[in-house]
Amino acid sequence: MRIIHVITRLIVGGAQENTIATVLGLKAKPEVDVYLVSGPTSGPEGSLEDRLSPDLLIKSPHLVRSVSPLQDLRALIELTKIYKNKKPHIVHTHSGKAGFLGRLAAKIVNIPIIIHTIHGPSFGRFQSSVANLIFKSTERIAGSFTTHFISVADAMTELYLGAGIGRREMYSTIYSGFNLQPFLTARNDLQLRSQYGILPEDIVIGKIARLTKLKGHDDLFKIAPELLREHPNVKIMLVGDGLWHQRFKRLTEDLGLINRIIFTGLVSPEQIPGLIGLMDIVVHLSYREGIARSLPQAMAAGKPVVAYDCDGAKEVCIPGKTGFLIAAGDVRSVHHALKALIENCNMRQTLGMNGQRLVQSKFAVESMVESIYVLYVKLYKKYCQK
């Protein structure tokens, strides 16, 4: 089987880590040729391009994230040329722009199997009705020539079916797996704590997300002054970088919380387990996410989670079992949930252990790669061996 994956950019992020892990896992399979096409990667969110050797990564300079008719046309032409040269049996797309252009090019070239992974919603309550109309229409067009969809959460399947995209039998849920072992063995490293100015007795609330729109940092800042005043031994650690970094740094200074809120800046995925090991609670208040990778990662490390009830969060953040699931925007309930966890060590431990068991059964990267491979083989036999 020859397979080409297509993604808009390889920044440090969950969809990108998922895609790279899939490509590397498939490369180890016998009789599989696999490549990844990506647009240019730049900016404060970092790059994962060095994870792939030159023989696996094909760069498409015109495949940019923003809408640009001329660039988009050039990217479409580039993709059709790549497909004609490599002659894949399967084209597997990821993310919005690459998802549409990659599938359209595959249709033009008559690729037998076209797969799209839904890492997160391209439409929903987080944006205007006009934007939703455009994105739903685009997804319906691309969906009309998609062979199969992979959803990273059942919630993504229901959302797309509800929008009239595809039929139920065209969908498979395959959770976004990762290497569990570093998280299962994550520990509270006192030396690492001291590097960030965290005392041994401090309780750390962690949030792992790009510092950008829709990730919910604003909501956390709304409750931070009161929460930190109530609990002098609590610190908040924000892991990640992004376009809003300076904005949040200034807000921290304006609120007089410069010694209570820690910015790690951009860190590599390999550093995440160590940082989660320092945390007592992990909060993720995203308004748009398939399943935020930080939730199962935190749970693998035995940490309780607090999350907004958006998209697939409820499939891992189970109230009373692994954490607190809260209606999006309800910052008072976030405050109460964090307060309860800060003040109850036994609750933190119980929820953390429950979460660890759940994640071990669903999020191993080996299981993800094997499930995708099995799906490929099934579709290959159906469409390529007639």
Foldseek 3Di string as FASTA:
>chain_A
DEEEEEEAFAFPFLQNVLVLLLQVLQVPDPPYHYAYEYEYDDDQRHGDVVSDDPSRYDYDPLSHDDDDVVSLVSSLVVLLVVCVVRVGLEYEYEDDSCLQSVLVSCVVNVRQAYEYEPFWDQDDPQDDPVSRVVSLVSQQVSLVRHQAYEYLFVLVVVVNVVSVRDDPVRYDYAHRFDALVLLLPAAQDCVVCVVQPQHPQAAEEEEEDEPDPQFCPVLVLVCVLVLCVVPVRYAYEYEEYYDCVVVVCVSCVVSVNNSRYTYPRYDHPVCVSNVLNNHQEYETQGQMGQAGPVQLSNLLNLFAYEYEPHHRPCVQNPPPAQYHYHHHPPSVVVSVRVVVSVVDVVSGNRNSPRSSVVSVVRHHSSSSSVVVVVVVVVSCCVRPVD
